[in-house]
């Protein structure tokens, strides 16, 4: 079964040499946790300690993901275009969403997301790579080192399969 083929990108065949990487990702996932681990050993919670979100991968090579801090500031009124700077900052900082196509790098536990649309405009047209591990109904995605306020950060996101 072919998981991904995108305009000449490398193909990942599932079932060849018992390599099932990729098919493990297919489904819908509920966000369990999102933690940022700083270089000094401390931990931050980018979307709060009880984040909510969904992540989906299909067999045709499409994905979409959303994460949100359920405690982010609400707008004083119903017209978000009239939000204060503080309200707008909370809205953006407390939410992440992106979608596009994906492939699993052959022979590695790395999923490469090719971003077609995102809340973060700098991601659009680029790729986001995540190390992944699946155990039972749980999926862990982890970034490499990311520059963060004068130090580095590694983000670990845990998801639970719901479909």
N, C-alpha and C. Protein backbone atom coordinates (compact mmCIF):
# COMPACT_ATOMS: atom_id res chain seq x y z
N UNK A 1 0.86 -1.18 0.00
CA UNK A 1 0.00 0.00 0.00
C UNK A 1 0.89 1.23 0.00
N UNK A 2 0.62 2.16 -0.87
CA UNK A 2 1.42 3.38 -0.93
C UNK A 2 0.79 4.45 -0.03
N UNK A 3 1.60 5.03 0.84
CA UNK A 3 1.10 6.03 1.78
C UNK A 3 1.21 7.42 1.20
N UNK A 4 2.27 7.73 0.49
CA UNK A 4 2.46 9.12 0.07
C UNK A 4 3.25 9.18 -1.22
N UNK A 5 2.79 9.98 -2.12
CA UNK A 5 3.54 10.29 -3.33
C UNK A 5 3.16 11.71 -3.69
N UNK A 6 4.10 12.64 -3.61
CA UNK A 6 3.78 14.04 -3.83
C UNK A 6 4.79 14.67 -4.77
N UNK A 7 4.39 14.85 -6.00
CA UNK A 7 5.19 15.56 -6.99
C UNK A 7 6.66 15.16 -6.98
N UNK A 8 6.93 13.87 -7.06
CA UNK A 8 8.30 13.41 -7.15
C UNK A 8 8.98 13.18 -5.82
N UNK A 9 8.29 13.40 -4.72
CA UNK A 9 8.89 13.12 -3.41
C UNK A 9 9.12 11.62 -3.30
N UNK A 10 10.02 11.22 -2.40
CA UNK A 10 10.27 9.79 -2.23
C UNK A 10 9.00 9.10 -1.78
N UNK A 11 8.82 7.87 -2.20
CA UNK A 11 7.62 7.10 -1.88
C UNK A 11 7.93 6.16 -0.71
N UNK A 12 6.92 5.94 0.09
CA UNK A 12 7.05 5.01 1.20
C UNK A 12 6.08 3.87 0.93
N UNK A 13 6.59 2.68 0.73
CA UNK A 13 5.73 1.52 0.52
C UNK A 13 5.53 0.82 1.84
N UNK A 14 4.29 0.54 2.15
CA UNK A 14 3.97 -0.14 3.39
C UNK A 14 3.82 -1.62 3.09
N UNK A 15 4.38 -2.44 3.95
CA UNK A 15 4.30 -3.88 3.78
C UNK A 15 5.59 -4.46 3.22
N UNK A 16 6.40 -3.65 2.59
CA UNK A 16 7.68 -4.10 2.06
C UNK A 16 8.64 -4.33 3.22
N UNK A 17 9.24 -5.48 3.28
CA UNK A 17 10.19 -5.84 4.33
C UNK A 17 9.59 -5.65 5.73
N UNK A 18 8.28 -5.90 5.86
CA UNK A 18 7.57 -5.79 7.15
C UNK A 18 7.62 -4.39 7.73
N UNK A 19 7.88 -3.38 6.92
CA UNK A 19 7.91 -2.00 7.41
C UNK A 19 6.50 -1.44 7.41
N UNK A 20 5.88 -1.32 8.59
CA UNK A 20 4.52 -0.82 8.70
C UNK A 20 4.49 0.66 9.07
N UNK A 21 5.62 1.32 9.06
CA UNK A 21 5.64 2.75 9.40
C UNK A 21 4.73 3.50 8.46
N UNK A 22 3.97 4.38 8.99
CA UNK A 22 3.05 5.17 8.20
C UNK A 22 1.62 4.73 8.41
N UNK A 23 1.33 3.44 8.26
CA UNK A 23 -0.04 2.98 8.48
C UNK A 23 -0.43 3.17 9.94
N UNK A 24 0.55 3.17 10.84
CA UNK A 24 0.28 3.39 12.26
C UNK A 24 -0.32 4.77 12.52
N UNK A 25 -0.01 5.72 11.67
CA UNK A 25 -0.47 7.10 11.86
C UNK A 25 -1.90 7.32 11.40
N UNK A 26 -2.38 6.50 10.45
CA UNK A 26 -3.69 6.73 9.85
C UNK A 26 -4.78 6.63 10.91
N UNK A 27 -5.59 7.70 10.98
CA UNK A 27 -6.70 7.74 11.92
C UNK A 27 -6.88 9.13 12.48
N UNK A 28 -7.74 9.22 13.50
CA UNK A 28 -8.02 10.48 14.17
C UNK A 28 -7.54 10.37 15.60
N UNK A 29 -6.87 11.41 16.07
CA UNK A 29 -6.21 11.42 17.37
C UNK A 29 -6.69 12.60 18.20
N UNK A 30 -6.84 12.38 19.52
CA UNK A 30 -7.22 13.42 20.48
C UNK A 30 -5.98 13.84 21.25
N UNK A 31 -5.79 15.15 21.42
CA UNK A 31 -4.63 15.67 22.14
C UNK A 31 -4.71 15.31 23.62
N UNK A 32 -3.63 14.76 24.15
CA UNK A 32 -3.53 14.41 25.56
C UNK A 32 -2.66 15.41 26.30
N UNK A 33 -1.49 15.74 25.70
CA UNK A 33 -0.58 16.68 26.35
C UNK A 33 0.35 17.31 25.34
N UNK A 34 0.85 18.50 25.71
CA UNK A 34 1.83 19.21 24.90
C UNK A 34 2.79 19.89 25.87
N UNK A 35 4.04 19.44 25.86
CA UNK A 35 5.05 19.97 26.78
C UNK A 35 6.26 20.44 26.00
N UNK A 36 6.80 21.57 26.42
CA UNK A 36 8.05 22.08 25.87
C UNK A 36 9.15 21.89 26.89
N UNK A 37 10.22 21.25 26.49
CA UNK A 37 11.35 20.98 27.38
C UNK A 37 12.50 21.90 27.00
N UNK A 38 12.82 22.83 27.90
CA UNK A 38 13.86 23.82 27.65
C UNK A 38 15.24 23.22 27.91
N UNK A 39 16.26 23.86 27.36
CA UNK A 39 17.64 23.39 27.49
C UNK A 39 18.07 23.29 28.95
N UNK A 40 17.52 24.14 29.83
CA UNK A 40 17.89 24.11 31.24
C UNK A 40 17.16 23.02 32.04
N UNK A 41 16.33 22.23 31.35
CA UNK A 41 15.62 21.13 32.01
C UNK A 41 14.21 21.50 32.47
N UNK A 42 13.85 22.75 32.40
CA UNK A 42 12.51 23.14 32.84
C UNK A 42 11.48 22.81 31.75
N UNK A 43 10.21 22.77 32.17
CA UNK A 43 9.12 22.41 31.27
C UNK A 43 8.11 23.54 31.19
N UNK A 44 7.65 23.82 29.98
CA UNK A 44 6.57 24.80 29.78
C UNK A 44 5.41 24.08 29.11
N UNK A 45 4.24 24.68 29.18
CA UNK A 45 3.03 24.11 28.61
C UNK A 45 2.43 25.13 27.63
N UNK A 46 2.81 25.05 26.34
CA UNK A 46 2.41 26.07 25.36
C UNK A 46 0.90 26.26 25.23
N UNK A 47 0.12 25.24 25.50
CA UNK A 47 -1.34 25.32 25.39
C UNK A 47 -2.01 25.02 26.71
N UNK A 48 -1.31 25.28 27.80
CA UNK A 48 -1.84 25.01 29.13
C UNK A 48 -1.65 23.55 29.52
N UNK A 49 -1.97 23.23 30.76
CA UNK A 49 -1.79 21.87 31.25
C UNK A 49 -2.90 20.92 30.82
N UNK A 50 -4.00 21.45 30.28
CA UNK A 50 -5.10 20.61 29.81
C UNK A 50 -5.51 21.01 28.39
N UNK A 51 -4.59 20.89 27.43
CA UNK A 51 -4.89 21.34 26.07
C UNK A 51 -5.93 20.44 25.40
N UNK A 52 -6.55 20.97 24.35
CA UNK A 52 -7.46 20.18 23.54
C UNK A 52 -7.01 20.27 22.09
N UNK A 53 -7.32 19.23 21.33
CA UNK A 53 -6.94 19.26 19.92
C UNK A 53 -7.28 17.98 19.21
N UNK A 54 -7.14 18.02 17.90
CA UNK A 54 -7.37 16.86 17.03
C UNK A 54 -6.26 16.82 15.99
N UNK A 55 -5.94 15.60 15.59
CA UNK A 55 -4.95 15.35 14.54
C UNK A 55 -5.49 14.21 13.70
N UNK A 56 -5.44 14.36 12.39
CA UNK A 56 -5.92 13.30 11.50
C UNK A 56 -4.92 13.06 10.38
N UNK A 57 -4.70 11.78 10.09
CA UNK A 57 -3.91 11.34 8.94
C UNK A 57 -4.80 10.40 8.14
N UNK A 58 -4.83 10.56 6.81
CA UNK A 58 -5.57 9.59 6.01
C UNK A 58 -4.61 8.78 5.15
N UNK A 59 -5.14 7.74 4.52
CA UNK A 59 -4.32 6.84 3.72
C UNK A 59 -3.89 7.42 2.39
N UNK A 60 -4.43 8.59 2.01
CA UNK A 60 -4.06 9.24 0.76
C UNK A 60 -2.92 10.24 0.94
N UNK A 61 -2.41 10.38 2.19
CA UNK A 61 -1.28 11.27 2.42
C UNK A 61 -1.66 12.68 2.87
N UNK A 62 -2.90 12.86 3.35
CA UNK A 62 -3.34 14.16 3.86
C UNK A 62 -3.36 14.16 5.37
N UNK A 63 -3.11 15.33 5.96
CA UNK A 63 -3.18 15.46 7.41
C UNK A 63 -3.78 16.82 7.75
N UNK A 64 -4.26 16.94 8.98
CA UNK A 64 -4.65 18.22 9.56
C UNK A 64 -4.49 18.09 11.06
N UNK A 65 -4.10 19.18 11.69
CA UNK A 65 -3.91 19.16 13.13
C UNK A 65 -4.25 20.50 13.75
N UNK A 66 -4.83 20.44 14.96
CA UNK A 66 -5.18 21.65 15.70
C UNK A 66 -4.92 21.41 17.18
N UNK A 67 -4.38 22.42 17.85
CA UNK A 67 -4.16 22.38 19.30
C UNK A 67 -4.59 23.71 19.87
N UNK A 68 -5.20 23.67 21.07
CA UNK A 68 -5.72 24.89 21.65
C UNK A 68 -5.62 24.86 23.17
N UNK A 69 -5.36 26.03 23.74
CA UNK A 69 -5.45 26.22 25.18
C UNK A 69 -6.90 26.58 25.47
N UNK A 70 -7.64 25.72 26.17
CA UNK A 70 -9.05 26.00 26.41
C UNK A 70 -9.27 27.18 27.36
N UNK A 71 -8.21 27.64 28.02
CA UNK A 71 -8.32 28.74 28.98
C UNK A 71 -7.86 30.08 28.40
N UNK A 72 -7.69 30.15 27.08
CA UNK A 72 -7.25 31.42 26.50
C UNK A 72 -8.33 32.49 26.69
N UNK A 73 -7.89 33.72 26.66
CA UNK A 73 -8.77 34.86 26.90
C UNK A 73 -9.91 34.89 25.89
N UNK A 74 -11.09 35.24 26.36
CA UNK A 74 -12.24 35.42 25.49
C UNK A 74 -12.33 36.89 25.07
N UNK A 75 -12.94 37.13 23.91
CA UNK A 75 -13.17 38.49 23.45
C UNK A 75 -14.28 39.12 24.29
N UNK A 76 -14.16 40.42 24.55
CA UNK A 76 -15.20 41.13 25.32
C UNK A 76 -16.51 41.18 24.54
N UNK A 77 -16.43 41.25 23.21
CA UNK A 77 -17.62 41.29 22.36
C UNK A 77 -17.60 40.14 21.37
N UNK A 78 -18.61 40.06 20.53
CA UNK A 78 -18.70 38.96 19.57
C UNK A 78 -18.01 39.25 18.24
N UNK A 79 -17.48 40.44 18.06
CA UNK A 79 -16.80 40.81 16.82
C UNK A 79 -15.29 40.76 17.05
N UNK A 80 -14.68 39.65 16.63
CA UNK A 80 -13.24 39.51 16.88
C UNK A 80 -12.40 40.55 16.16
N UNK A 81 -12.93 41.15 15.10
CA UNK A 81 -12.18 42.20 14.41
C UNK A 81 -12.02 43.43 15.29
N UNK A 82 -12.80 43.52 16.36
CA UNK A 82 -12.72 44.64 17.30
C UNK A 82 -11.97 44.26 18.58
N UNK A 83 -11.29 43.09 18.56
CA UNK A 83 -10.57 42.62 19.74
C UNK A 83 -9.41 43.53 20.11
N UNK A 84 -9.11 43.58 21.39
CA UNK A 84 -7.96 44.35 21.86
C UNK A 84 -6.68 43.62 21.48
N UNK A 85 -5.56 44.33 21.58
CA UNK A 85 -4.27 43.69 21.29
C UNK A 85 -4.06 42.48 22.19
N UNK A 86 -4.41 42.60 23.46
CA UNK A 86 -4.26 41.50 24.41
C UNK A 86 -5.14 40.30 24.03
N UNK A 87 -6.38 40.57 23.63
CA UNK A 87 -7.29 39.49 23.22
C UNK A 87 -6.77 38.78 21.97
N UNK A 88 -6.31 39.57 21.01
CA UNK A 88 -5.79 38.98 19.76
C UNK A 88 -4.52 38.18 20.01
N UNK A 89 -3.64 38.69 20.86
CA UNK A 89 -2.41 37.97 21.19
C UNK A 89 -2.73 36.63 21.84
N UNK A 90 -3.67 36.61 22.77
CA UNK A 90 -4.08 35.38 23.45
C UNK A 90 -4.68 34.39 22.46
N UNK A 91 -5.46 34.91 21.52
CA UNK A 91 -6.09 34.06 20.51
C UNK A 91 -5.04 33.32 19.69
N UNK A 92 -4.05 34.05 19.20
CA UNK A 92 -3.01 33.45 18.35
C UNK A 92 -2.07 32.57 19.17
N UNK A 93 -1.62 33.05 20.33
CA UNK A 93 -0.67 32.29 21.14
C UNK A 93 -1.29 31.01 21.70
N UNK A 94 -2.59 31.00 21.85
CA UNK A 94 -3.25 29.84 22.46
C UNK A 94 -3.81 28.85 21.46
N UNK A 95 -3.42 28.97 20.20
CA UNK A 95 -3.99 28.08 19.17
C UNK A 95 -2.93 27.80 18.11
N UNK A 96 -2.91 26.57 17.63
CA UNK A 96 -2.06 26.22 16.49
C UNK A 96 -2.86 25.32 15.59
N UNK A 97 -2.78 25.56 14.29
CA UNK A 97 -3.48 24.73 13.32
C UNK A 97 -2.69 24.72 12.02
N UNK A 98 -2.63 23.56 11.40
CA UNK A 98 -2.03 23.48 10.08
C UNK A 98 -2.51 22.23 9.36
N UNK A 99 -2.39 22.23 8.02
CA UNK A 99 -2.84 21.09 7.23
C UNK A 99 -2.01 20.99 5.97
N UNK A 100 -2.08 19.84 5.34
CA UNK A 100 -1.36 19.61 4.09
C UNK A 100 -1.24 18.14 3.79
N UNK A 101 -0.07 17.77 3.28
CA UNK A 101 0.20 16.37 2.97
C UNK A 101 1.36 15.90 3.84
N UNK A 102 1.50 14.58 3.93
CA UNK A 102 2.57 14.04 4.76
C UNK A 102 3.18 12.81 4.10
N UNK A 103 4.36 12.50 4.57
CA UNK A 103 5.02 11.24 4.20
C UNK A 103 5.86 10.81 5.37
N UNK A 104 6.09 9.52 5.45
CA UNK A 104 6.98 8.97 6.47
C UNK A 104 8.31 8.72 5.78
N UNK A 105 9.37 9.26 6.36
CA UNK A 105 10.69 9.09 5.77
C UNK A 105 11.08 7.62 5.88
N UNK A 106 11.37 7.01 4.73
CA UNK A 106 11.63 5.58 4.66
C UNK A 106 12.76 5.16 5.60
N UNK A 107 12.48 4.13 6.39
CA UNK A 107 13.48 3.58 7.30
C UNK A 107 13.67 4.38 8.57
N UNK A 108 12.89 5.43 8.77
CA UNK A 108 13.04 6.28 9.96
C UNK A 108 11.69 6.48 10.63
N UNK A 109 11.72 6.86 11.88
CA UNK A 109 10.51 7.20 12.62
C UNK A 109 10.30 8.71 12.55
N UNK A 110 10.23 9.23 11.32
CA UNK A 110 10.07 10.66 11.08
C UNK A 110 8.92 10.86 10.10
N UNK A 111 7.96 11.71 10.50
CA UNK A 111 6.88 12.10 9.59
C UNK A 111 7.17 13.53 9.14
N UNK A 112 7.09 13.73 7.83
CA UNK A 112 7.35 15.04 7.24
C UNK A 112 6.02 15.61 6.78
N UNK A 113 5.63 16.73 7.40
CA UNK A 113 4.39 17.42 7.04
C UNK A 113 4.73 18.53 6.04
N UNK A 114 4.14 18.48 4.85
CA UNK A 114 4.29 19.54 3.85
C UNK A 114 3.10 20.47 4.06
N UNK A 115 3.37 21.67 4.54
CA UNK A 115 2.32 22.58 5.01
C UNK A 115 1.72 23.39 3.86
N UNK A 116 0.40 23.23 3.67
CA UNK A 116 -0.33 23.99 2.66
C UNK A 116 -1.04 25.20 3.27
N UNK A 117 -1.45 25.09 4.52
CA UNK A 117 -2.11 26.18 5.21
C UNK A 117 -1.84 26.07 6.70
N UNK A 118 -1.72 27.23 7.38
CA UNK A 118 -1.39 27.21 8.81
C UNK A 118 -1.73 28.54 9.45
N UNK A 119 -1.99 28.51 10.75
CA UNK A 119 -2.15 29.73 11.52
C UNK A 119 -0.85 30.53 11.48
N UNK A 120 0.28 29.84 11.57
CA UNK A 120 1.60 30.48 11.50
C UNK A 120 1.97 30.67 10.03
N UNK A 121 1.89 31.89 9.50
CA UNK A 121 2.12 32.10 8.07
C UNK A 121 3.50 31.66 7.59
N UNK A 122 4.48 31.69 8.45
CA UNK A 122 5.84 31.30 8.05
C UNK A 122 5.95 29.80 7.77
N UNK A 123 5.00 29.00 8.22
CA UNK A 123 5.03 27.56 7.96
C UNK A 123 4.52 27.22 6.56
N UNK A 124 3.67 28.07 5.98
CA UNK A 124 3.02 27.76 4.71
C UNK A 124 4.08 27.62 3.60
N UNK A 125 3.98 26.50 2.88
CA UNK A 125 4.92 26.22 1.80
C UNK A 125 6.17 25.50 2.26
N UNK A 126 6.32 25.30 3.55
CA UNK A 126 7.49 24.61 4.09
C UNK A 126 7.13 23.23 4.61
N UNK A 127 8.06 22.66 5.34
CA UNK A 127 7.81 21.35 5.96
C UNK A 127 8.03 21.44 7.46
N UNK A 128 7.33 20.59 8.18
CA UNK A 128 7.49 20.43 9.61
C UNK A 128 7.76 18.95 9.85
N UNK A 129 8.94 18.65 10.38
CA UNK A 129 9.31 17.26 10.64
C UNK A 129 9.11 16.93 12.11
N UNK A 130 8.60 15.72 12.36
CA UNK A 130 8.38 15.27 13.73
C UNK A 130 8.87 13.83 13.85
N UNK A 131 9.60 13.55 14.92
CA UNK A 131 9.93 12.18 15.26
C UNK A 131 8.64 11.59 15.83
N UNK A 132 8.34 10.34 15.51
CA UNK A 132 7.11 9.77 16.05
C UNK A 132 7.34 8.38 16.63
N UNK A 133 6.44 8.06 17.56
CA UNK A 133 6.45 6.73 18.19
C UNK A 133 5.00 6.39 18.49
N UNK A 134 4.59 5.19 18.10
CA UNK A 134 3.24 4.71 18.37
C UNK A 134 3.34 3.51 19.29
N UNK A 135 2.58 3.56 20.38
CA UNK A 135 2.48 2.43 21.30
C UNK A 135 1.01 2.22 21.61
N UNK A 136 0.46 1.12 21.11
CA UNK A 136 -0.96 0.86 21.31
C UNK A 136 -1.79 1.96 20.68
N UNK A 137 -2.62 2.62 21.50
CA UNK A 137 -3.50 3.69 21.01
C UNK A 137 -2.89 5.08 21.21
N UNK A 138 -1.61 5.14 21.56
CA UNK A 138 -0.96 6.41 21.84
C UNK A 138 0.08 6.74 20.77
N UNK A 139 0.15 8.03 20.43
CA UNK A 139 1.11 8.55 19.45
C UNK A 139 1.88 9.68 20.11
N UNK A 140 3.19 9.61 20.03
CA UNK A 140 4.03 10.70 20.51
C UNK A 140 4.72 11.33 19.31
N UNK A 141 4.57 12.66 19.18
CA UNK A 141 5.29 13.43 18.16
C UNK A 141 6.25 14.35 18.89
N UNK A 142 7.47 14.45 18.38
CA UNK A 142 8.49 15.28 19.04
C UNK A 142 9.23 16.08 17.99
N UNK A 143 9.45 17.35 18.29
CA UNK A 143 10.24 18.21 17.41
C UNK A 143 11.72 17.97 17.65
N UNK A 144 12.53 18.48 16.77
CA UNK A 144 13.95 18.62 17.06
C UNK A 144 14.10 19.88 17.90
N UNK A 145 15.33 20.33 18.10
CA UNK A 145 15.56 21.56 18.87
C UNK A 145 15.04 22.77 18.09
N UNK A 146 14.30 23.63 18.79
CA UNK A 146 13.73 24.84 18.22
C UNK A 146 14.30 26.03 18.98
N UNK A 147 14.69 27.08 18.28
CA UNK A 147 15.14 28.31 18.95
C UNK A 147 13.95 28.90 19.69
N UNK A 148 14.19 29.32 20.94
CA UNK A 148 13.10 29.84 21.78
C UNK A 148 13.65 30.82 22.80
N UNK A 149 13.36 32.09 22.64
CA UNK A 149 13.73 33.16 23.57
C UNK A 149 15.15 32.99 24.10
N UNK A 150 16.12 32.92 23.20
CA UNK A 150 17.53 32.86 23.59
C UNK A 150 18.02 31.50 24.05
N UNK A 151 17.21 30.47 23.95
CA UNK A 151 17.61 29.12 24.33
C UNK A 151 17.03 28.16 23.30
N UNK A 152 16.95 26.88 23.63
CA UNK A 152 16.32 25.91 22.73
C UNK A 152 15.21 25.18 23.47
N UNK A 153 14.34 24.61 22.68
CA UNK A 153 13.14 23.96 23.17
C UNK A 153 12.89 22.72 22.33
N UNK A 154 12.48 21.63 22.95
CA UNK A 154 12.00 20.43 22.25
C UNK A 154 10.57 20.23 22.72
N UNK A 155 9.64 20.17 21.77
CA UNK A 155 8.22 20.01 22.11
C UNK A 155 7.81 18.56 21.90
N UNK A 156 7.16 18.00 22.93
CA UNK A 156 6.64 16.64 22.88
C UNK A 156 5.12 16.71 22.99
N UNK A 157 4.45 16.13 22.00
CA UNK A 157 2.99 16.15 21.96
C UNK A 157 2.50 14.70 21.98
N UNK A 158 1.57 14.40 22.87
CA UNK A 158 1.02 13.05 23.00
C UNK A 158 -0.44 13.07 22.58
N UNK A 159 -0.79 12.11 21.73
CA UNK A 159 -2.14 11.97 21.20
C UNK A 159 -2.68 10.58 21.50
N UNK A 160 -4.00 10.46 21.62
CA UNK A 160 -4.67 9.17 21.81
C UNK A 160 -5.59 8.92 20.63
N UNK A 161 -5.51 7.71 20.06
CA UNK A 161 -6.34 7.37 18.91
C UNK A 161 -7.82 7.32 19.34
N UNK A 162 -8.68 8.00 18.56
CA UNK A 162 -10.12 7.93 18.81
C UNK A 162 -10.87 7.31 17.64
N UNK A 163 -10.22 7.19 16.50
CA UNK A 163 -10.83 6.53 15.34
C UNK A 163 -9.75 6.11 14.37
